[in-house]
N, C-alpha and C. Protein backbone atom coordinates (compact mmCIF):
# COMPACT_ATOMS: atom_id res chain seq x y z
N MET A 1 2.05 23.37 -2.26
CA MET A 1 0.95 22.43 -2.49
C MET A 1 -0.17 22.72 -1.49
N ARG A 2 -1.38 22.86 -1.97
CA ARG A 2 -2.55 23.12 -1.12
C ARG A 2 -3.23 21.77 -0.82
N VAL A 3 -3.48 21.51 0.47
CA VAL A 3 -3.94 20.19 0.89
C VAL A 3 -5.23 20.26 1.69
N VAL A 4 -6.18 19.37 1.38
CA VAL A 4 -7.38 19.15 2.17
C VAL A 4 -7.24 17.79 2.85
N ILE A 5 -7.52 17.73 4.14
CA ILE A 5 -7.39 16.48 4.90
C ILE A 5 -8.74 16.10 5.51
N ALA A 6 -9.19 14.87 5.26
CA ALA A 6 -10.41 14.33 5.86
C ALA A 6 -10.05 13.08 6.64
N GLU A 7 -10.06 13.17 7.95
CA GLU A 7 -9.67 12.08 8.84
C GLU A 7 -10.45 12.22 10.14
N ASP A 8 -11.14 11.14 10.56
CA ASP A 8 -12.01 11.25 11.72
C ASP A 8 -11.26 11.22 13.05
N GLN A 9 -10.05 10.67 13.08
CA GLN A 9 -9.27 10.65 14.31
C GLN A 9 -8.61 12.01 14.52
N VAL A 10 -8.99 12.68 15.60
CA VAL A 10 -8.56 14.06 15.83
C VAL A 10 -7.05 14.19 15.86
N LEU A 11 -6.38 13.33 16.60
CA LEU A 11 -4.94 13.44 16.73
C LEU A 11 -4.22 13.20 15.41
N LEU A 12 -4.67 12.21 14.65
CA LEU A 12 -4.05 11.94 13.36
C LEU A 12 -4.32 13.08 12.39
N ARG A 13 -5.55 13.61 12.43
CA ARG A 13 -5.88 14.74 11.56
C ARG A 13 -4.97 15.93 11.83
N ALA A 14 -4.80 16.24 13.12
CA ALA A 14 -3.94 17.36 13.49
C ALA A 14 -2.48 17.06 13.14
N GLY A 15 -2.08 15.80 13.35
CA GLY A 15 -0.70 15.43 13.03
C GLY A 15 -0.40 15.53 11.55
N LEU A 16 -1.35 15.10 10.73
CA LEU A 16 -1.17 15.20 9.29
C LEU A 16 -1.06 16.66 8.86
N GLY A 17 -1.92 17.48 9.45
CA GLY A 17 -1.88 18.91 9.13
C GLY A 17 -0.53 19.50 9.45
N ARG A 18 -0.02 19.19 10.64
CA ARG A 18 1.30 19.70 11.05
C ARG A 18 2.41 19.18 10.15
N LEU A 19 2.31 17.91 9.78
CA LEU A 19 3.33 17.29 8.93
C LEU A 19 3.43 18.01 7.59
N PHE A 20 2.27 18.27 6.97
CA PHE A 20 2.29 18.96 5.68
C PHE A 20 2.78 20.40 5.82
N GLU A 21 2.36 21.07 6.88
CA GLU A 21 2.79 22.45 7.08
C GLU A 21 4.29 22.53 7.34
N ASP A 22 4.81 21.61 8.13
CA ASP A 22 6.25 21.57 8.38
C ASP A 22 7.03 21.27 7.09
N GLY A 23 6.35 20.57 6.15
CA GLY A 23 6.98 20.25 4.87
C GLY A 23 6.87 21.38 3.86
N GLY A 24 6.32 22.51 4.30
CA GLY A 24 6.24 23.68 3.42
C GLY A 24 4.97 23.78 2.61
N HIS A 25 3.96 22.99 2.96
CA HIS A 25 2.71 22.98 2.22
C HIS A 25 1.62 23.71 3.01
N GLU A 26 0.54 24.06 2.33
CA GLU A 26 -0.56 24.80 2.95
C GLU A 26 -1.78 23.89 3.13
N VAL A 27 -2.20 23.72 4.36
CA VAL A 27 -3.41 22.94 4.64
C VAL A 27 -4.60 23.89 4.61
N VAL A 28 -5.48 23.71 3.62
CA VAL A 28 -6.57 24.67 3.41
C VAL A 28 -7.88 24.22 4.03
N ALA A 29 -7.97 22.95 4.47
CA ALA A 29 -9.20 22.48 5.14
C ALA A 29 -8.89 21.19 5.90
N LEU A 30 -9.49 21.08 7.09
CA LEU A 30 -9.40 19.88 7.92
C LEU A 30 -10.82 19.43 8.24
N LEU A 31 -11.17 18.17 7.92
CA LEU A 31 -12.52 17.67 8.14
C LEU A 31 -12.49 16.38 8.93
N GLY A 32 -13.57 16.14 9.71
CA GLY A 32 -13.67 14.93 10.50
C GLY A 32 -14.51 13.85 9.85
N ASP A 33 -15.11 14.13 8.70
CA ASP A 33 -15.88 13.12 7.97
C ASP A 33 -15.83 13.45 6.49
N ALA A 34 -16.45 12.59 5.67
CA ALA A 34 -16.40 12.77 4.22
C ALA A 34 -17.58 13.58 3.68
N ASP A 35 -18.54 13.91 4.53
CA ASP A 35 -19.76 14.56 4.05
C ASP A 35 -19.50 15.90 3.36
N GLY A 36 -18.63 16.71 3.93
CA GLY A 36 -18.38 18.03 3.37
C GLY A 36 -17.17 18.11 2.47
N LEU A 37 -16.65 16.94 2.07
CA LEU A 37 -15.41 16.91 1.32
C LEU A 37 -15.53 17.58 -0.05
N MET A 38 -16.59 17.27 -0.78
CA MET A 38 -16.76 17.86 -2.11
C MET A 38 -16.91 19.38 -2.00
N ARG A 39 -17.63 19.85 -0.99
CA ARG A 39 -17.79 21.29 -0.81
C ARG A 39 -16.45 21.95 -0.48
N ALA A 40 -15.66 21.28 0.35
CA ALA A 40 -14.36 21.82 0.71
C ALA A 40 -13.44 21.89 -0.51
N VAL A 41 -13.49 20.88 -1.35
CA VAL A 41 -12.68 20.87 -2.57
C VAL A 41 -13.09 22.01 -3.49
N ALA A 42 -14.39 22.20 -3.65
CA ALA A 42 -14.88 23.27 -4.51
C ALA A 42 -14.51 24.65 -3.97
N ALA A 43 -14.51 24.78 -2.65
CA ALA A 43 -14.26 26.08 -2.03
C ALA A 43 -12.78 26.44 -1.95
N THR A 44 -11.90 25.45 -1.90
CA THR A 44 -10.48 25.73 -1.64
C THR A 44 -9.54 25.45 -2.79
N SER A 45 -10.00 24.75 -3.82
CA SER A 45 -9.17 24.41 -4.99
C SER A 45 -7.81 23.83 -4.59
N PRO A 46 -7.79 22.70 -3.89
CA PRO A 46 -6.52 22.12 -3.44
C PRO A 46 -5.79 21.42 -4.59
N ASP A 47 -4.53 21.07 -4.31
CA ASP A 47 -3.75 20.24 -5.23
C ASP A 47 -3.83 18.77 -4.82
N LEU A 48 -4.14 18.55 -3.54
CA LEU A 48 -4.16 17.19 -3.01
C LEU A 48 -5.24 17.06 -1.95
N VAL A 49 -5.97 15.94 -1.98
CA VAL A 49 -6.91 15.58 -0.93
C VAL A 49 -6.41 14.31 -0.25
N VAL A 50 -6.30 14.34 1.06
CA VAL A 50 -5.92 13.16 1.83
C VAL A 50 -7.15 12.70 2.60
N VAL A 51 -7.56 11.45 2.42
CA VAL A 51 -8.81 10.98 3.03
C VAL A 51 -8.64 9.57 3.59
N ASP A 52 -9.19 9.36 4.78
CA ASP A 52 -9.22 8.04 5.40
C ASP A 52 -10.22 7.18 4.65
N VAL A 53 -9.88 5.92 4.39
CA VAL A 53 -10.77 5.06 3.63
C VAL A 53 -12.05 4.76 4.41
N ARG A 54 -11.99 4.73 5.75
CA ARG A 54 -13.17 4.43 6.57
C ARG A 54 -13.52 5.65 7.40
N MET A 55 -14.67 6.22 7.11
CA MET A 55 -15.10 7.46 7.75
C MET A 55 -16.51 7.30 8.33
N PRO A 56 -16.91 8.21 9.21
CA PRO A 56 -18.29 8.17 9.71
C PRO A 56 -19.27 8.35 8.55
N PRO A 57 -20.51 7.79 8.64
CA PRO A 57 -21.08 7.18 9.84
C PRO A 57 -20.89 5.67 9.95
N THR A 58 -20.60 4.97 8.85
CA THR A 58 -20.57 3.51 8.90
C THR A 58 -19.16 2.94 9.07
N PHE A 59 -18.14 3.75 8.83
CA PHE A 59 -16.75 3.31 8.95
C PHE A 59 -16.47 2.08 8.08
N THR A 60 -16.98 2.12 6.84
CA THR A 60 -16.72 1.03 5.90
C THR A 60 -15.85 1.53 4.75
N ASP A 61 -16.48 2.18 3.77
CA ASP A 61 -15.70 2.64 2.61
C ASP A 61 -16.06 4.05 2.17
N GLU A 62 -16.52 4.87 3.14
CA GLU A 62 -16.90 6.24 2.80
C GLU A 62 -15.77 7.00 2.11
N GLY A 63 -14.56 6.82 2.62
CA GLY A 63 -13.43 7.53 2.04
C GLY A 63 -13.13 7.09 0.62
N ALA A 64 -13.21 5.79 0.38
CA ALA A 64 -12.96 5.26 -0.96
C ALA A 64 -14.01 5.77 -1.95
N ARG A 65 -15.27 5.81 -1.50
CA ARG A 65 -16.33 6.31 -2.38
C ARG A 65 -16.15 7.81 -2.63
N ALA A 66 -15.74 8.55 -1.60
CA ALA A 66 -15.49 9.98 -1.76
C ALA A 66 -14.32 10.21 -2.72
N ALA A 67 -13.29 9.37 -2.62
CA ALA A 67 -12.14 9.48 -3.52
C ALA A 67 -12.55 9.30 -4.97
N ARG A 68 -13.39 8.28 -5.21
CA ARG A 68 -13.85 8.04 -6.58
C ARG A 68 -14.68 9.22 -7.10
N GLU A 69 -15.55 9.76 -6.24
CA GLU A 69 -16.38 10.89 -6.65
C GLU A 69 -15.52 12.11 -6.96
N ILE A 70 -14.52 12.35 -6.14
CA ILE A 70 -13.62 13.49 -6.37
C ILE A 70 -12.89 13.34 -7.69
N LYS A 71 -12.38 12.14 -7.97
CA LYS A 71 -11.65 11.92 -9.22
C LYS A 71 -12.56 12.05 -10.43
N GLN A 72 -13.83 11.68 -10.28
CA GLN A 72 -14.77 11.82 -11.39
C GLN A 72 -15.07 13.30 -11.66
N GLU A 73 -15.22 14.09 -10.58
CA GLU A 73 -15.54 15.50 -10.73
C GLU A 73 -14.30 16.36 -11.01
N HIS A 74 -13.15 15.95 -10.49
CA HIS A 74 -11.92 16.73 -10.64
C HIS A 74 -10.79 15.77 -11.03
N PRO A 75 -10.74 15.34 -12.29
CA PRO A 75 -9.76 14.33 -12.71
C PRO A 75 -8.31 14.73 -12.45
N GLY A 76 -8.02 16.02 -12.49
CA GLY A 76 -6.64 16.46 -12.33
C GLY A 76 -6.21 16.64 -10.89
N LEU A 77 -7.11 16.41 -9.94
CA LEU A 77 -6.80 16.59 -8.53
C LEU A 77 -6.20 15.33 -7.94
N GLY A 78 -5.10 15.49 -7.22
CA GLY A 78 -4.48 14.34 -6.57
C GLY A 78 -5.27 13.90 -5.36
N VAL A 79 -5.44 12.59 -5.19
CA VAL A 79 -6.17 12.03 -4.05
C VAL A 79 -5.32 10.95 -3.41
N LEU A 80 -5.08 11.09 -2.12
CA LEU A 80 -4.29 10.11 -1.37
C LEU A 80 -5.17 9.50 -0.29
N VAL A 81 -5.45 8.21 -0.41
CA VAL A 81 -6.29 7.50 0.55
C VAL A 81 -5.40 6.80 1.58
N LEU A 82 -5.76 6.95 2.85
CA LEU A 82 -5.05 6.28 3.93
C LEU A 82 -5.93 5.18 4.51
N SER A 83 -5.31 4.05 4.85
CA SER A 83 -6.07 2.92 5.37
C SER A 83 -5.32 2.26 6.52
N GLN A 84 -6.06 1.69 7.44
CA GLN A 84 -5.45 0.97 8.56
C GLN A 84 -5.00 -0.42 8.12
N HIS A 85 -5.69 -0.98 7.11
CA HIS A 85 -5.41 -2.34 6.67
C HIS A 85 -5.28 -2.38 5.15
N VAL A 86 -4.65 -3.42 4.64
CA VAL A 86 -4.51 -3.61 3.21
C VAL A 86 -5.85 -3.99 2.60
N GLU A 87 -6.30 -3.23 1.62
CA GLU A 87 -7.53 -3.51 0.90
C GLU A 87 -7.25 -3.32 -0.58
N THR A 88 -6.87 -4.39 -1.26
CA THR A 88 -6.38 -4.27 -2.62
C THR A 88 -7.46 -3.91 -3.63
N VAL A 89 -8.72 -4.23 -3.35
CA VAL A 89 -9.79 -3.95 -4.31
C VAL A 89 -9.89 -2.45 -4.57
N HIS A 90 -9.98 -1.66 -3.51
CA HIS A 90 -10.06 -0.21 -3.68
C HIS A 90 -8.78 0.34 -4.29
N ALA A 91 -7.64 -0.17 -3.84
CA ALA A 91 -6.36 0.35 -4.28
C ALA A 91 -6.18 0.21 -5.78
N VAL A 92 -6.37 -0.99 -6.30
CA VAL A 92 -6.14 -1.24 -7.72
C VAL A 92 -7.18 -0.52 -8.57
N ALA A 93 -8.43 -0.52 -8.13
CA ALA A 93 -9.48 0.12 -8.92
C ALA A 93 -9.24 1.62 -9.06
N LEU A 94 -8.81 2.27 -7.98
CA LEU A 94 -8.66 3.72 -8.00
C LEU A 94 -7.35 4.18 -8.61
N VAL A 95 -6.28 3.41 -8.49
CA VAL A 95 -4.99 3.84 -9.01
C VAL A 95 -5.03 3.98 -10.53
N LYS A 96 -5.97 3.30 -11.18
CA LYS A 96 -6.11 3.41 -12.63
C LYS A 96 -6.49 4.81 -13.06
N LEU A 97 -7.02 5.61 -12.13
CA LEU A 97 -7.49 6.95 -12.48
C LEU A 97 -6.35 7.96 -12.58
N GLY A 98 -5.18 7.62 -12.10
CA GLY A 98 -4.06 8.56 -12.13
C GLY A 98 -4.17 9.59 -11.03
N GLY A 99 -3.04 10.16 -10.62
CA GLY A 99 -3.07 11.13 -9.53
C GLY A 99 -3.70 10.56 -8.29
N PHE A 100 -3.35 9.30 -7.99
CA PHE A 100 -3.97 8.60 -6.87
C PHE A 100 -2.93 7.83 -6.08
N GLY A 101 -3.11 7.84 -4.74
CA GLY A 101 -2.23 7.06 -3.88
C GLY A 101 -3.04 6.31 -2.85
N TYR A 102 -2.51 5.17 -2.41
CA TYR A 102 -3.18 4.36 -1.39
C TYR A 102 -2.09 3.87 -0.45
N LEU A 103 -2.06 4.41 0.75
CA LEU A 103 -1.01 4.08 1.71
C LEU A 103 -1.60 3.65 3.04
N LEU A 104 -0.91 2.77 3.72
CA LEU A 104 -1.29 2.42 5.07
C LEU A 104 -0.91 3.56 6.01
N LYS A 105 -1.68 3.73 7.08
CA LYS A 105 -1.45 4.85 7.99
C LYS A 105 -0.07 4.80 8.65
N ASP A 106 0.46 3.61 8.85
CA ASP A 106 1.80 3.49 9.43
C ASP A 106 2.84 4.21 8.59
N ARG A 107 2.56 4.37 7.30
CA ARG A 107 3.52 4.99 6.39
C ARG A 107 3.72 6.46 6.72
N VAL A 108 2.78 7.07 7.44
CA VAL A 108 2.90 8.48 7.82
C VAL A 108 4.13 8.69 8.70
N LEU A 109 4.52 7.67 9.45
CA LEU A 109 5.67 7.79 10.34
C LEU A 109 6.98 7.92 9.58
N GLU A 110 7.00 7.47 8.33
CA GLU A 110 8.17 7.63 7.48
C GLU A 110 7.99 8.94 6.72
N VAL A 111 8.25 10.04 7.42
CA VAL A 111 7.82 11.36 6.97
C VAL A 111 8.32 11.72 5.58
N SER A 112 9.60 11.58 5.32
CA SER A 112 10.13 12.00 4.03
C SER A 112 9.54 11.19 2.88
N ASP A 113 9.42 9.86 3.07
CA ASP A 113 8.83 9.01 2.03
C ASP A 113 7.35 9.33 1.85
N PHE A 114 6.66 9.58 2.96
CA PHE A 114 5.24 9.90 2.87
C PHE A 114 5.01 11.19 2.10
N LEU A 115 5.77 12.22 2.43
CA LEU A 115 5.62 13.50 1.74
C LEU A 115 6.00 13.38 0.27
N ALA A 116 7.02 12.59 -0.02
CA ALA A 116 7.41 12.38 -1.41
C ALA A 116 6.28 11.71 -2.19
N ALA A 117 5.63 10.72 -1.56
CA ALA A 117 4.51 10.03 -2.21
C ALA A 117 3.35 10.99 -2.42
N ALA A 118 3.05 11.81 -1.42
CA ALA A 118 1.96 12.78 -1.53
C ALA A 118 2.23 13.78 -2.64
N GLU A 119 3.45 14.27 -2.72
CA GLU A 119 3.80 15.22 -3.78
C GLU A 119 3.73 14.57 -5.15
N ARG A 120 4.13 13.30 -5.24
CA ARG A 120 4.05 12.58 -6.52
C ARG A 120 2.59 12.45 -6.97
N VAL A 121 1.72 12.14 -6.03
CA VAL A 121 0.29 12.02 -6.36
C VAL A 121 -0.27 13.36 -6.80
N ALA A 122 0.10 14.44 -6.11
CA ALA A 122 -0.39 15.77 -6.47
C ALA A 122 0.05 16.16 -7.88
N ARG A 123 1.18 15.62 -8.33
CA ARG A 123 1.67 15.93 -9.68
C ARG A 123 1.05 15.01 -10.73
N GLY A 124 0.15 14.11 -10.32
CA GLY A 124 -0.50 13.23 -11.28
C GLY A 124 0.06 11.83 -11.32
N GLY A 125 1.01 11.52 -10.42
CA GLY A 125 1.59 10.19 -10.39
C GLY A 125 0.82 9.24 -9.50
N SER A 126 1.43 8.10 -9.19
CA SER A 126 0.78 7.06 -8.40
C SER A 126 1.63 6.71 -7.18
N ALA A 127 0.98 6.19 -6.15
CA ALA A 127 1.68 5.74 -4.95
C ALA A 127 0.88 4.62 -4.31
N LEU A 128 1.36 3.40 -4.45
CA LEU A 128 0.73 2.25 -3.79
C LEU A 128 1.60 1.81 -2.64
N ASP A 129 0.99 1.50 -1.52
CA ASP A 129 1.73 1.06 -0.35
C ASP A 129 2.49 -0.24 -0.65
N PRO A 130 3.72 -0.36 -0.17
CA PRO A 130 4.49 -1.58 -0.40
C PRO A 130 3.76 -2.85 0.04
N GLN A 131 2.99 -2.77 1.14
CA GLN A 131 2.26 -3.97 1.60
C GLN A 131 1.13 -4.33 0.64
N VAL A 132 0.52 -3.33 0.01
CA VAL A 132 -0.50 -3.60 -0.99
C VAL A 132 0.14 -4.30 -2.19
N VAL A 133 1.28 -3.77 -2.63
CA VAL A 133 1.99 -4.37 -3.76
C VAL A 133 2.41 -5.79 -3.42
N ALA A 134 2.95 -5.99 -2.22
CA ALA A 134 3.39 -7.33 -1.82
C ALA A 134 2.23 -8.32 -1.81
N THR A 135 1.04 -7.86 -1.38
CA THR A 135 -0.14 -8.72 -1.37
C THR A 135 -0.54 -9.10 -2.79
N LEU A 136 -0.48 -8.14 -3.69
CA LEU A 136 -0.84 -8.40 -5.08
C LEU A 136 0.11 -9.42 -5.73
N PHE A 137 1.38 -9.36 -5.31
CA PHE A 137 2.39 -10.20 -5.95
C PHE A 137 2.64 -11.52 -5.21
N SER A 138 1.91 -11.76 -4.12
CA SER A 138 2.25 -12.88 -3.25
C SER A 138 1.79 -14.23 -3.77
N ASP A 139 0.67 -14.26 -4.48
CA ASP A 139 0.08 -15.55 -4.90
C ASP A 139 0.64 -15.98 -6.25
N THR A 140 1.90 -16.40 -6.26
CA THR A 140 2.54 -16.77 -7.51
C THR A 140 3.21 -18.13 -7.37
N GLY A 141 2.84 -19.03 -8.27
CA GLY A 141 3.46 -20.35 -8.29
C GLY A 141 4.59 -20.41 -9.30
N ASP A 142 5.16 -21.61 -9.50
CA ASP A 142 6.28 -21.76 -10.42
C ASP A 142 5.89 -21.47 -11.86
N ASP A 143 4.59 -21.61 -12.19
CA ASP A 143 4.16 -21.37 -13.56
C ASP A 143 3.73 -19.93 -13.79
N HIS A 144 3.81 -19.10 -12.78
CA HIS A 144 3.43 -17.69 -12.90
C HIS A 144 4.54 -16.93 -13.61
N PRO A 145 4.20 -15.98 -14.50
CA PRO A 145 5.24 -15.23 -15.21
C PRO A 145 6.23 -14.53 -14.29
N LEU A 146 5.80 -14.15 -13.09
CA LEU A 146 6.72 -13.48 -12.16
C LEU A 146 7.82 -14.42 -11.69
N ALA A 147 7.60 -15.73 -11.81
CA ALA A 147 8.60 -16.70 -11.36
C ALA A 147 9.87 -16.63 -12.20
N ALA A 148 9.77 -16.05 -13.39
CA ALA A 148 10.94 -15.94 -14.27
C ALA A 148 11.87 -14.82 -13.85
N LEU A 149 11.42 -13.95 -12.94
CA LEU A 149 12.23 -12.80 -12.53
C LEU A 149 13.23 -13.20 -11.46
N THR A 150 14.40 -12.55 -11.50
CA THR A 150 15.36 -12.71 -10.42
C THR A 150 14.85 -11.94 -9.20
N ASP A 151 15.47 -12.18 -8.05
CA ASP A 151 15.05 -11.46 -6.84
C ASP A 151 15.18 -9.95 -7.02
N ARG A 152 16.28 -9.51 -7.65
CA ARG A 152 16.47 -8.08 -7.88
C ARG A 152 15.42 -7.52 -8.84
N GLU A 153 15.11 -8.27 -9.89
CA GLU A 153 14.11 -7.82 -10.85
C GLU A 153 12.73 -7.74 -10.20
N ARG A 154 12.42 -8.67 -9.34
CA ARG A 154 11.13 -8.65 -8.65
C ARG A 154 11.05 -7.43 -7.73
N THR A 155 12.15 -7.12 -7.06
CA THR A 155 12.17 -5.93 -6.20
C THR A 155 11.95 -4.67 -7.04
N VAL A 156 12.59 -4.59 -8.19
CA VAL A 156 12.42 -3.44 -9.08
C VAL A 156 10.97 -3.35 -9.54
N LEU A 157 10.38 -4.49 -9.88
CA LEU A 157 8.98 -4.51 -10.32
C LEU A 157 8.06 -4.01 -9.22
N GLU A 158 8.30 -4.43 -7.99
CA GLU A 158 7.46 -3.98 -6.88
C GLU A 158 7.57 -2.47 -6.68
N LEU A 159 8.78 -1.93 -6.84
CA LEU A 159 8.95 -0.48 -6.70
C LEU A 159 8.31 0.26 -7.87
N MET A 160 8.32 -0.34 -9.04
CA MET A 160 7.60 0.24 -10.18
C MET A 160 6.11 0.33 -9.86
N ALA A 161 5.57 -0.76 -9.28
CA ALA A 161 4.14 -0.79 -8.96
C ALA A 161 3.79 0.21 -7.88
N GLU A 162 4.75 0.51 -6.99
CA GLU A 162 4.49 1.54 -5.98
C GLU A 162 4.39 2.92 -6.60
N GLY A 163 4.92 3.08 -7.82
CA GLY A 163 4.85 4.36 -8.50
C GLY A 163 6.17 5.08 -8.61
N LEU A 164 7.27 4.43 -8.19
CA LEU A 164 8.56 5.09 -8.23
C LEU A 164 9.10 5.18 -9.66
N THR A 165 9.77 6.28 -9.95
CA THR A 165 10.47 6.44 -11.22
C THR A 165 11.78 5.66 -11.16
N ASN A 166 12.47 5.58 -12.29
CA ASN A 166 13.77 4.92 -12.29
C ASN A 166 14.73 5.61 -11.33
N THR A 167 14.64 6.94 -11.27
CA THR A 167 15.49 7.70 -10.35
C THR A 167 15.18 7.33 -8.91
N GLY A 168 13.88 7.25 -8.58
CA GLY A 168 13.46 6.89 -7.24
C GLY A 168 13.89 5.47 -6.87
N ILE A 169 13.79 4.55 -7.83
CA ILE A 169 14.21 3.17 -7.58
C ILE A 169 15.71 3.12 -7.34
N ALA A 170 16.47 3.87 -8.14
CA ALA A 170 17.92 3.89 -7.99
C ALA A 170 18.32 4.37 -6.60
N LYS A 171 17.66 5.41 -6.11
CA LYS A 171 17.96 5.93 -4.78
C LYS A 171 17.59 4.94 -3.70
N ARG A 172 16.44 4.27 -3.87
CA ARG A 172 15.97 3.32 -2.86
C ARG A 172 16.92 2.12 -2.75
N LEU A 173 17.44 1.67 -3.90
CA LEU A 173 18.26 0.45 -3.93
C LEU A 173 19.75 0.75 -3.97
N PHE A 174 20.12 2.03 -3.95
CA PHE A 174 21.53 2.43 -4.00
C PHE A 174 22.21 1.87 -5.26
N LEU A 175 21.52 2.03 -6.38
CA LEU A 175 22.04 1.60 -7.67
C LEU A 175 22.15 2.80 -8.60
N SER A 176 22.87 2.65 -9.68
CA SER A 176 22.92 3.71 -10.69
C SER A 176 21.63 3.66 -11.51
N GLU A 177 21.27 4.78 -12.09
CA GLU A 177 20.05 4.81 -12.92
C GLU A 177 20.20 3.89 -14.13
N ARG A 178 21.42 3.81 -14.67
CA ARG A 178 21.64 2.93 -15.83
C ARG A 178 21.38 1.47 -15.46
N THR A 179 21.80 1.09 -14.25
CA THR A 179 21.56 -0.28 -13.80
C THR A 179 20.05 -0.54 -13.64
N VAL A 180 19.35 0.44 -13.06
CA VAL A 180 17.90 0.29 -12.90
C VAL A 180 17.22 0.20 -14.25
N GLU A 181 17.63 1.04 -15.20
CA GLU A 181 17.04 1.00 -16.54
C GLU A 181 17.21 -0.38 -17.15
N ALA A 182 18.37 -1.00 -16.93
CA ALA A 182 18.60 -2.34 -17.47
C ALA A 182 17.67 -3.35 -16.81
N HIS A 183 17.52 -3.24 -15.48
CA HIS A 183 16.61 -4.15 -14.77
C HIS A 183 15.18 -3.98 -15.28
N VAL A 184 14.75 -2.74 -15.47
CA VAL A 184 13.39 -2.48 -15.95
C VAL A 184 13.18 -3.09 -17.33
N ARG A 185 14.16 -2.94 -18.21
CA ARG A 185 14.05 -3.54 -19.55
C ARG A 185 13.91 -5.05 -19.45
N HIS A 186 14.69 -5.67 -18.57
CA HIS A 186 14.62 -7.11 -18.42
C HIS A 186 13.26 -7.54 -17.86
N VAL A 187 12.77 -6.79 -16.88
CA VAL A 187 11.47 -7.11 -16.28
C VAL A 187 10.37 -7.05 -17.33
N LEU A 188 10.31 -5.92 -18.03
CA LEU A 188 9.26 -5.74 -19.03
C LEU A 188 9.38 -6.76 -20.15
N GLY A 189 10.63 -7.10 -20.51
CA GLY A 189 10.83 -8.09 -21.56
C GLY A 189 10.34 -9.46 -21.13
N LYS A 190 10.67 -9.88 -19.91
CA LYS A 190 10.26 -11.20 -19.42
C LYS A 190 8.74 -11.29 -19.26
N LEU A 191 8.11 -10.15 -18.96
CA LEU A 191 6.65 -10.15 -18.79
C LEU A 191 5.92 -9.82 -20.08
N ASP A 192 6.70 -9.63 -21.15
CA ASP A 192 6.12 -9.32 -22.47
C ASP A 192 5.25 -8.07 -22.40
N MET A 193 5.77 -7.04 -21.74
CA MET A 193 5.06 -5.77 -21.59
C MET A 193 5.81 -4.67 -22.34
N PRO A 194 5.10 -3.74 -22.99
CA PRO A 194 5.77 -2.66 -23.72
C PRO A 194 6.43 -1.67 -22.76
N GLU A 195 7.59 -1.13 -23.18
CA GLU A 195 8.23 -0.10 -22.39
C GLU A 195 7.47 1.21 -22.55
N SER A 196 7.56 2.06 -21.54
CA SER A 196 6.88 3.35 -21.57
C SER A 196 7.68 4.37 -20.79
N GLU A 197 7.75 5.62 -21.29
CA GLU A 197 8.42 6.69 -20.58
C GLU A 197 7.48 7.35 -19.57
N ASP A 198 6.19 7.06 -19.70
CA ASP A 198 5.19 7.63 -18.80
C ASP A 198 5.12 6.77 -17.54
N ASP A 199 5.50 7.36 -16.39
CA ASP A 199 5.58 6.58 -15.15
C ASP A 199 4.23 6.01 -14.74
N HIS A 200 3.14 6.80 -14.92
CA HIS A 200 1.84 6.29 -14.52
C HIS A 200 1.40 5.16 -15.43
N ARG A 201 1.63 5.29 -16.73
CA ARG A 201 1.28 4.22 -17.65
C ARG A 201 2.05 2.94 -17.30
N ARG A 202 3.27 3.12 -16.84
CA ARG A 202 4.08 1.97 -16.46
C ARG A 202 3.47 1.27 -15.25
N VAL A 203 3.00 2.04 -14.28
CA VAL A 203 2.32 1.46 -13.11
C VAL A 203 1.08 0.69 -13.56
N LEU A 204 0.29 1.30 -14.44
CA LEU A 204 -0.93 0.64 -14.92
C LEU A 204 -0.61 -0.65 -15.64
N ALA A 205 0.46 -0.63 -16.43
CA ALA A 205 0.84 -1.84 -17.16
C ALA A 205 1.21 -2.96 -16.19
N VAL A 206 1.96 -2.62 -15.15
CA VAL A 206 2.34 -3.62 -14.16
C VAL A 206 1.10 -4.20 -13.47
N LEU A 207 0.20 -3.31 -13.03
CA LEU A 207 -0.98 -3.77 -12.31
C LEU A 207 -1.91 -4.57 -13.21
N ALA A 208 -2.03 -4.14 -14.48
CA ALA A 208 -2.88 -4.88 -15.41
C ALA A 208 -2.33 -6.28 -15.62
N HIS A 209 -1.02 -6.38 -15.68
CA HIS A 209 -0.41 -7.69 -15.84
C HIS A 209 -0.67 -8.57 -14.62
N VAL A 210 -0.49 -8.02 -13.44
CA VAL A 210 -0.71 -8.78 -12.22
C VAL A 210 -2.15 -9.23 -12.11
N GLN A 211 -3.09 -8.31 -12.42
CA GLN A 211 -4.50 -8.67 -12.37
C GLN A 211 -4.83 -9.79 -13.34
N ALA A 212 -4.29 -9.68 -14.57
CA ALA A 212 -4.59 -10.68 -15.59
C ALA A 212 -4.07 -12.04 -15.19
N THR A 213 -2.89 -12.08 -14.60
CA THR A 213 -2.31 -13.36 -14.25
C THR A 213 -2.91 -13.94 -13.00
N HIS A 214 -3.65 -13.13 -12.20
CA HIS A 214 -4.36 -13.63 -11.03
C HIS A 214 -5.79 -14.03 -11.39
N ALA A 215 -6.24 -13.65 -12.56
CA ALA A 215 -7.64 -13.88 -12.93
C ALA A 215 -7.90 -15.37 -13.14
């Protein structure tokens, strides 16, 4: 996997580069801001771009805007946005584009999970940080459709929203894939959502449901 990294913090930028290289991937460009990101993408043809959501000069949403521009110009390119804090607006809006991930920077410390998420995004899948998912699912009363789910079903739904496949969910929860498939069927049935074999479409369906019920 060929990776471009845009991160203004020197130590984190270098650390990310080393992490990907140690994982067997090729880092083809390292940048300290978002200004040259499009040029770097055009020049290096990466499989994945990793970008900080807040970059110079204003440290507001330069990375998020760069991510959207990259996805518009290169729809098949994976983009992984890193953030210091949970910002659900950018996360939900961009994950709809596919091949997109939004993780908190602390997640980098969980190396194997982080690399797995990055590789999933590069393949066209999705990766939402668990804290982002938890924030989206937190405002639910007794009349909310999510209230009908058991604790296990809610956990499965949250992992679905993170972008995990049934296999990934089974490994995370130490369950058989058949058991996870049954939980997924129950979740989708209770939420009146169609089943799908496409993992990204499944993520979109979950997020669309959550957005609609929060509207």
